[in-house]
Amino acid sequence: LSHRALKDLATSLRAGLLTVKDVAKVDLVGQQDEKIYLEFSTQKVAALGLDVGTLSQALQAQNALTPSGTVDAGPER
């Protein structure tokens, strides 16, 4: 099985185990983060009229996390 399929199976099993009486917590150990590798030909990118730096900036902008804001309620935030 792929890592993704194993993670999905483990998540399903975890959900089932949490329905068992007196089971309060189930930890998944050994998970691997998903990664995407992008490989491209600089010649093909140049032929499309793109710059590698521009392509990199566009990808970074897609993955940017922006804070949604905060609420101050007295001493709590």
PDB file of N, CA and C in Angstrom:
ATOM      1  N   LEU A   1       0.835  -1.190   0.000  1.00  0.00           N
ATOM      2  CA  LEU A   1       0.000   0.000   0.000  1.00  0.00           C
ATOM      3  C   LEU A   1       0.875   1.246   0.000  1.00  0.00           C
ATOM      4  N   SER A   2       0.359   2.291  -0.592  1.00  0.00           N
ATOM      5  CA  SER A   2       1.083   3.560  -0.576  1.00  0.00           C
ATOM      6  C   SER A   2       0.981   4.180   0.816  1.00  0.00           C
ATOM      7  N   HIS A   3       1.829   5.156   1.067  1.00  0.00           N
ATOM      8  CA  HIS A   3       1.781   5.846   2.368  1.00  0.00           C
ATOM      9  C   HIS A   3       0.429   6.507   2.580  1.00  0.00           C
ATOM     10  N   ARG A   4      -0.141   7.058   1.526  1.00  0.00           N
ATOM     11  CA  ARG A   4      -1.449   7.710   1.640  1.00  0.00           C
ATOM     12  C   ARG A   4      -2.541   6.695   1.980  1.00  0.00           C
ATOM     13  N   ALA A   5      -2.504   5.528   1.325  1.00  0.00           N
ATOM     14  CA  ALA A   5      -3.496   4.488   1.603  1.00  0.00           C
ATOM     15  C   ALA A   5      -3.356   3.978   3.033  1.00  0.00           C
ATOM     16  N   LEU A   6      -2.118   3.820   3.503  1.00  0.00           N
ATOM     17  CA  LEU A   6      -1.895   3.394   4.880  1.00  0.00           C
ATOM     18  C   LEU A   6      -2.418   4.430   5.877  1.00  0.00           C
ATOM     19  N   LYS A   7      -2.208   5.704   5.563  1.00  0.00           N
ATOM     20  CA  LYS A   7      -2.693   6.761   6.458  1.00  0.00           C
ATOM     21  C   LYS A   7      -4.214   6.759   6.500  1.00  0.00           C
ATOM     22  N   ASP A   8      -4.858   6.589   5.337  1.00  0.00           N
ATOM     23  CA  ASP A   8      -6.318   6.539   5.306  1.00  0.00           C
ATOM     24  C   ASP A   8      -6.843   5.347   6.102  1.00  0.00           C
ATOM     25  N   LEU A   9      -6.207   4.191   5.957  1.00  0.00           N
ATOM     26  CA  LEU A   9      -6.609   3.000   6.693  1.00  0.00           C
ATOM     27  C   LEU A   9      -6.427   3.204   8.190  1.00  0.00           C
ATOM     28  N   ALA A  10      -5.293   3.757   8.586  1.00  0.00           N
ATOM     29  CA  ALA A  10      -5.026   4.005  10.006  1.00  0.00           C
ATOM     30  C   ALA A  10      -6.035   4.994  10.591  1.00  0.00           C
ATOM     31  N   THR A  11      -6.398   6.003   9.815  1.00  0.00           N
ATOM     32  CA  THR A  11      -7.381   6.983  10.284  1.00  0.00           C
ATOM     33  C   THR A  11      -8.741   6.325  10.487  1.00  0.00           C
ATOM     34  N   SER A  12      -9.124   5.427   9.569  1.00  0.00           N
ATOM     35  CA  SER A  12     -10.385   4.700   9.711  1.00  0.00           C
ATOM     36  C   SER A  12     -10.367   3.800  10.939  1.00  0.00           C
ATOM     37  N   LEU A  13      -9.246   3.099  11.125  1.00  0.00           N
ATOM     38  CA  LEU A  13      -9.117   2.237  12.300  1.00  0.00           C
ATOM     39  C   LEU A  13      -9.161   3.047  13.587  1.00  0.00           C
ATOM     40  N   ARG A  14      -8.520   4.213  13.561  1.00  0.00           N
ATOM     41  CA  ARG A  14      -8.517   5.091  14.734  1.00  0.00           C
ATOM     42  C   ARG A  14      -9.939   5.502  15.084  1.00  0.00           C
ATOM     43  N   ALA A  15     -10.715   5.897  14.062  1.00  0.00           N
ATOM     44  CA  ALA A  15     -12.105   6.307  14.298  1.00  0.00           C
ATOM     45  C   ALA A  15     -12.906   5.157  14.905  1.00  0.00           C
ATOM     46  N   GLY A  16     -12.678   3.933  14.414  1.00  0.00           N
ATOM     47  CA  GLY A  16     -13.370   2.775  14.969  1.00  0.00           C
ATOM     48  C   GLY A  16     -12.966   2.489  16.397  1.00  0.00           C
ATOM     49  N   LEU A  17     -11.669   2.596  16.686  1.00  0.00           N
ATOM     50  CA  LEU A  17     -11.196   2.345  18.042  1.00  0.00           C
ATOM     51  C   LEU A  17     -11.724   3.366  19.042  1.00  0.00           C
ATOM     52  N   LEU A  18     -11.926   4.586  18.587  1.00  0.00           N
ATOM     53  CA  LEU A  18     -12.430   5.622  19.493  1.00  0.00           C
ATOM     54  C   LEU A  18     -13.878   5.382  19.895  1.00  0.00           C
ATOM     55  N   THR A  19     -14.581   4.504  19.180  1.00  0.00           N
ATOM     56  CA  THR A  19     -15.966   4.190  19.551  1.00  0.00           C
ATOM     57  C   THR A  19     -16.036   3.086  20.603  1.00  0.00           C
ATOM     58  N   VAL A  20     -14.889   2.434  20.881  1.00  0.00           N
ATOM     59  CA  VAL A  20     -14.847   1.371  21.883  1.00  0.00           C
ATOM     60  C   VAL A  20     -14.939   1.987  23.272  1.00  0.00           C
ATOM     61  N   LYS A  21     -15.727   1.337  24.142  1.00  0.00           N
ATOM     62  CA  LYS A  21     -15.907   1.829  25.503  1.00  0.00           C
ATOM     63  C   LYS A  21     -14.557   1.923  26.215  1.00  0.00           C
ATOM     64  N   ASP A  22     -14.356   2.991  26.952  1.00  0.00           N
ATOM     65  CA  ASP A  22     -13.156   3.274  27.746  1.00  0.00           C
ATOM     66  C   ASP A  22     -11.921   3.613  26.908  1.00  0.00           C
ATOM     67  N   VAL A  23     -12.071   3.764  25.604  1.00  0.00           N
ATOM     68  CA  VAL A  23     -10.957   4.226  24.774  1.00  0.00           C
ATOM     69  C   VAL A  23     -11.147   5.724  24.577  1.00  0.00           C
ATOM     70  N   ALA A  24     -10.194   6.508  25.086  1.00  0.00           N
ATOM     71  CA  ALA A  24     -10.318   7.960  25.019  1.00  0.00           C
ATOM     72  C   ALA A  24      -9.359   8.589  24.018  1.00  0.00           C
ATOM     73  N   LYS A  25      -8.264   7.883  23.734  1.00  0.00           N
ATOM     74  CA  LYS A  25      -7.256   8.495  22.876  1.00  0.00           C
ATOM     75  C   LYS A  25      -6.534   7.418  22.078  1.00  0.00           C
ATOM     76  N   VAL A  26      -6.351   7.688  20.786  1.00  0.00           N
ATOM     77  CA  VAL A  26      -5.588   6.798  19.912  1.00  0.00           C
ATOM     78  C   VAL A  26      -4.629   7.675  19.133  1.00  0.00           C
ATOM     79  N   ASP A  27      -3.335   7.433  19.296  1.00  0.00           N
ATOM     80  CA  ASP A  27      -2.321   8.219  18.586  1.00  0.00           C
ATOM     81  C   ASP A  27      -1.816   7.436  17.380  1.00  0.00           C
ATOM     82  N   LEU A  28      -1.634   8.136  16.284  1.00  0.00           N
ATOM     83  CA  LEU A  28      -1.019   7.550  15.103  1.00  0.00           C
ATOM     84  C   LEU A  28       0.459   7.926  15.133  1.00  0.00           C
ATOM     85  N   VAL A  29       1.327   6.919  15.132  1.00  0.00           N
ATOM     86  CA  VAL A  29       2.759   7.135  15.253  1.00  0.00           C
ATOM     87  C   VAL A  29       3.435   6.720  13.953  1.00  0.00           C
ATOM     88  N   GLY A  30       4.446   7.464  13.546  1.00  0.00           N
ATOM     89  CA  GLY A  30       5.219   7.096  12.374  1.00  0.00           C
ATOM     90  C   GLY A  30       4.662   7.621  11.067  1.00  0.00           C
ATOM     91  N   GLN A  31       3.778   8.614  11.153  1.00  0.00           N
ATOM     92  CA  GLN A  31       3.219   9.177   9.934  1.00  0.00           C
ATOM     93  C   GLN A  31       4.292   9.907   9.146  1.00  0.00           C
ATOM     94  N   GLN A  32       4.191   9.835   7.841  1.00  0.00           N
ATOM     95  CA  GLN A  32       5.118  10.559   6.986  1.00  0.00           C
ATOM     96  C   GLN A  32       4.353  11.691   6.303  1.00  0.00           C
ATOM     97  N   ASP A  33       4.951  12.872   6.313  1.00  0.00           N
ATOM     98  CA  ASP A  33       4.338  14.011   5.654  1.00  0.00           C
ATOM     99  C   ASP A  33       4.347  13.797   4.144  1.00  0.00           C
ATOM    100  N   GLU A  34       3.266  14.271   3.517  1.00  0.00           N
ATOM    101  CA  GLU A  34       3.201  14.181   2.069  1.00  0.00           C
ATOM    102  C   GLU A  34       4.037  15.295   1.453  1.00  0.00           C
ATOM    103  N   LYS A  35       4.734  14.968   0.381  1.00  0.00           N
ATOM    104  CA  LYS A  35       5.562  15.948  -0.303  1.00  0.00           C
ATOM    105  C   LYS A  35       5.307  15.840  -1.792  1.00  0.00           C
ATOM    106  N   ILE A  36       5.423  16.954  -2.449  1.00  0.00           N
ATOM    107  CA  ILE A  36       5.299  16.994  -3.904  1.00  0.00           C
ATOM    108  C   ILE A  36       6.599  17.564  -4.448  1.00  0.00           C
ATOM    109  N   TYR A  37       7.207  16.848  -5.353  1.00  0.00           N
ATOM    110  CA  TYR A  37       8.432  17.313  -5.988  1.00  0.00           C
ATOM    111  C   TYR A  37       8.096  17.778  -7.390  1.00  0.00           C
ATOM    112  N   LEU A  38       8.543  18.954  -7.732  1.00  0.00           N
ATOM    113  CA  LEU A  38       8.291  19.530  -9.036  1.00  0.00           C
ATOM    114  C   LEU A  38       9.594  19.540  -9.825  1.00  0.00           C
ATOM    115  N   GLU A  39       9.581  18.814 -10.927  1.00  0.00           N
ATOM    116  CA  GLU A  39      10.753  18.776 -11.796  1.00  0.00           C
ATOM    117  C   GLU A  39      10.345  19.322 -13.152  1.00  0.00           C
ATOM    118  N   PHE A  40      11.152  20.194 -13.692  1.00  0.00           N
ATOM    119  CA  PHE A  40      10.824  20.783 -14.989  1.00  0.00           C
ATOM    120  C   PHE A  40      12.094  21.076 -15.763  1.00  0.00           C
ATOM    121  N   SER A  41      11.926  21.207 -17.043  1.00  0.00           N
ATOM    122  CA  SER A  41      13.031  21.538 -17.923  1.00  0.00           C
ATOM    123  C   SER A  41      13.118  23.056 -18.043  1.00  0.00           C
ATOM    124  N   THR A  42      14.272  23.611 -17.748  1.00  0.00           N
ATOM    125  CA  THR A  42      14.425  25.058 -17.855  1.00  0.00           C
ATOM    126  C   THR A  42      14.269  25.522 -19.299  1.00  0.00           C
ATOM    127  N   GLN A  43      14.622  24.650 -20.239  1.00  0.00           N
ATOM    128  CA  GLN A  43      14.464  25.006 -21.653  1.00  0.00           C
ATOM    129  C   GLN A  43      12.989  25.107 -22.024  1.00  0.00           C
ATOM    130  N   LYS A  44      12.160  24.182 -21.543  1.00  0.00           N
ATOM    131  CA  LYS A  44      10.725  24.227 -21.852  1.00  0.00           C
ATOM    132  C   LYS A  44      10.061  25.422 -21.175  1.00  0.00           C
ATOM    133  N   VAL A  45      10.495  25.716 -19.951  1.00  0.00           N
ATOM    134  CA  VAL A  45       9.949  26.874 -19.240  1.00  0.00           C
ATOM    135  C   VAL A  45      10.301  28.149 -20.004  1.00  0.00           C
ATOM    136  N   ALA A  46      11.535  28.239 -20.472  1.00  0.00           N
ATOM    137  CA  ALA A  46      11.964  29.412 -21.242  1.00  0.00           C
ATOM    138  C   ALA A  46      11.204  29.493 -22.568  1.00  0.00           C
ATOM    139  N   ALA A  47      10.937  28.346 -23.190  1.00  0.00           N
ATOM    140  CA  ALA A  47      10.198  28.333 -24.455  1.00  0.00           C
ATOM    141  C   ALA A  47       8.768  28.842 -24.270  1.00  0.00           C
ATOM    142  N   LEU A  48       8.223  28.662 -23.077  1.00  0.00           N
ATOM    143  CA  LEU A  48       6.877  29.174 -22.782  1.00  0.00           C
ATOM    144  C   LEU A  48       6.894  30.656 -22.412  1.00  0.00           C
ATOM    145  N   GLY A  49       8.079  31.224 -22.356  1.00  0.00           N
ATOM    146  CA  GLY A  49       8.201  32.640 -22.029  1.00  0.00           C
ATOM    147  C   GLY A  49       8.120  32.921 -20.543  1.00  0.00           C
ATOM    148  N   LEU A  50       8.386  31.905 -19.747  1.00  0.00           N
ATOM    149  CA  LEU A  50       8.341  32.067 -18.294  1.00  0.00           C
ATOM    150  C   LEU A  50       9.747  32.129 -17.735  1.00  0.00           C
ATOM    151  N   ASP A  51       9.844  32.701 -16.569  1.00  0.00           N
ATOM    152  CA  ASP A  51      11.106  32.783 -15.852  1.00  0.00           C
ATOM    153  C   ASP A  51      11.023  31.826 -14.660  1.00  0.00           C
ATOM    154  N   VAL A  52      12.096  31.122 -14.357  1.00  0.00           N
ATOM    155  CA  VAL A  52      12.099  30.178 -13.244  1.00  0.00           C
ATOM    156  C   VAL A  52      11.775  30.900 -11.938  1.00  0.00           C
ATOM    157  N   GLY A  53      12.292  32.101 -11.763  1.00  0.00           N
ATOM    158  CA  GLY A  53      12.002  32.888 -10.561  1.00  0.00           C
ATOM    159  C   GLY A  53      10.525  33.219 -10.446  1.00  0.00           C
ATOM    160  N   THR A  54       9.902  33.577 -11.553  1.00  0.00           N
ATOM    161  CA  THR A  54       8.472  33.882 -11.558  1.00  0.00           C
ATOM    162  C   THR A  54       7.660  32.639 -11.219  1.00  0.00           C
ATOM    163  N   LEU A  55       8.062  31.509 -11.788  1.00  0.00           N
ATOM    164  CA  LEU A  55       7.390  30.244 -11.502  1.00  0.00           C
ATOM    165  C   LEU A  55       7.504  29.896 -10.019  1.00  0.00           C
ATOM    166  N   SER A  56       8.688  30.070  -9.468  1.00  0.00           N
ATOM    167  CA  SER A  56       8.915  29.793  -8.055  1.00  0.00           C
ATOM    168  C   SER A  56       8.072  30.709  -7.169  1.00  0.00           C
ATOM    169  N   GLN A  57       8.004  31.995  -7.501  1.00  0.00           N
ATOM    170  CA  GLN A  57       7.197  32.946  -6.727  1.00  0.00           C
ATOM    171  C   GLN A  57       5.720  32.593  -6.788  1.00  0.00           C
ATOM    172  N   ALA A  58       5.238  32.168  -7.955  1.00  0.00           N
ATOM    173  CA  ALA A  58       3.837  31.795  -8.100  1.00  0.00           C
ATOM    174  C   ALA A  58       3.501  30.589  -7.225  1.00  0.00           C
ATOM    175  N   LEU A  59       4.409  29.606  -7.172  1.00  0.00           N
ATOM    176  CA  LEU A  59       4.182  28.441  -6.325  1.00  0.00           C
ATOM    177  C   LEU A  59       4.215  28.803  -4.849  1.00  0.00           C
ATOM    178  N   GLN A  60       5.144  29.654  -4.452  1.00  0.00           N
ATOM    179  CA  GLN A  60       5.231  30.063  -3.057  1.00  0.00           C
ATOM    180  C   GLN A  60       3.997  30.860  -2.645  1.00  0.00           C
ATOM    181  N   ALA A  61       3.453  31.665  -3.552  1.00  0.00           N
ATOM    182  CA  ALA A  61       2.257  32.443  -3.244  1.00  0.00           C
ATOM    183  C   ALA A  61       1.051  31.532  -3.035  1.00  0.00           C
ATOM    184  N   GLN A  62       1.005  30.411  -3.754  1.00  0.00           N
ATOM    185  CA  GLN A  62      -0.092  29.453  -3.607  1.00  0.00           C
ATOM    186  C   GLN A  62      -0.054  28.770  -2.244  1.00  0.00           C
ATOM    187  N   ASN A  63       1.122  28.609  -1.687  1.00  0.00           N
ATOM    188  CA  ASN A  63       1.279  27.894  -0.431  1.00  0.00           C
ATOM    189  C   ASN A  63       1.419  28.827   0.768  1.00  0.00           C
ATOM    190  N   ALA A  64       1.226  30.105   0.561  1.00  0.00           N
ATOM    191  CA  ALA A  64       1.413  31.067   1.644  1.00  0.00           C
ATOM    192  C   ALA A  64       0.275  30.958   2.658  1.00  0.00           C
ATOM    193  N   LEU A  65       0.630  31.047   3.920  1.00  0.00           N
ATOM    194  CA  LEU A  65      -0.364  31.075   4.994  1.00  0.00           C
ATOM    195  C   LEU A  65      -0.500  32.502   5.479  1.00  0.00           C
ATOM    196  N   THR A  66      -1.718  32.977   5.514  1.00  0.00           N
ATOM    197  CA  THR A  66      -1.959  34.331   5.993  1.00  0.00           C
ATOM    198  C   THR A  66      -2.797  34.267   7.254  1.00  0.00           C
ATOM    199  N   PRO A  67      -2.402  35.022   8.272  1.00  0.00           N
ATOM    200  CA  PRO A  67      -3.188  35.016   9.502  1.00  0.00           C
ATOM    201  C   PRO A  67      -4.579  35.580   9.248  1.00  0.00           C
ATOM    202  N   SER A  68      -5.566  34.995   9.899  1.00  0.00           N
ATOM    203  CA  SER A  68      -6.952  35.430   9.676  1.00  0.00           C
ATOM    204  C   SER A  68      -7.358  36.554  10.622  1.00  0.00           C
ATOM    205  N   GLY A  69      -6.565  36.833  11.636  1.00  0.00           N
ATOM    206  CA  GLY A  69      -6.874  37.921  12.563  1.00  0.00           C
ATOM    207  C   GLY A  69      -7.003  37.408  13.989  1.00  0.00           C
ATOM    208  N   THR A  70      -7.226  38.318  14.906  1.00  0.00           N
ATOM    209  CA  THR A  70      -7.385  37.953  16.306  1.00  0.00           C
ATOM    210  C   THR A  70      -8.558  38.725  16.900  1.00  0.00           C
ATOM    211  N   VAL A  71      -9.045  38.219  18.008  1.00  0.00           N
ATOM    212  CA  VAL A  71     -10.117  38.882  18.734  1.00  0.00           C
ATOM    213  C   VAL A  71      -9.622  39.074  20.160  1.00  0.00           C
ATOM    214  N   ASP A  72      -9.635  40.316  20.621  1.00  0.00           N
ATOM    215  CA  ASP A  72      -9.263  40.607  21.999  1.00  0.00           C
ATOM    216  C   ASP A  72     -10.523  40.763  22.826  1.00  0.00           C
ATOM    217  N   ALA A  73     -10.644  39.948  23.874  1.00  0.00           N
ATOM    218  CA  ALA A  73     -11.797  40.026  24.774  1.00  0.00           C
ATOM    219  C   ALA A  73     -11.268  40.153  26.189  1.00  0.00           C
ATOM    220  N   GLY A  74     -11.017  41.376  26.574  1.00  0.00           N
ATOM    221  CA  GLY A  74     -10.452  41.610  27.894  1.00  0.00           C
ATOM    222  C   GLY A  74      -9.024  41.093  27.956  1.00  0.00           C
ATOM    223  N   PRO A  75      -8.716  40.289  28.971  1.00  0.00           N
ATOM    224  CA  PRO A  75      -7.352  39.786  29.094  1.00  0.00           C
ATOM    225  C   PRO A  75      -7.067  38.603  28.155  1.00  0.00           C
ATOM    226  N   GLU A  76      -8.096  38.062  27.517  1.00  0.00           N
ATOM    227  CA  GLU A  76      -7.896  36.913  26.632  1.00  0.00           C
ATOM    228  C   GLU A  76      -7.817  37.340  25.188  1.00  0.00           C
ATOM    229  N   ARG A  77      -7.082  36.560  24.427  1.00  0.00           N
ATOM    230  CA  ARG A  77      -6.898  36.867  23.004  1.00  0.00           C
ATOM    231  C   ARG A  77      -7.290  35.683  22.168  1.00  0.00           C
TER     232      ARG A  77
END
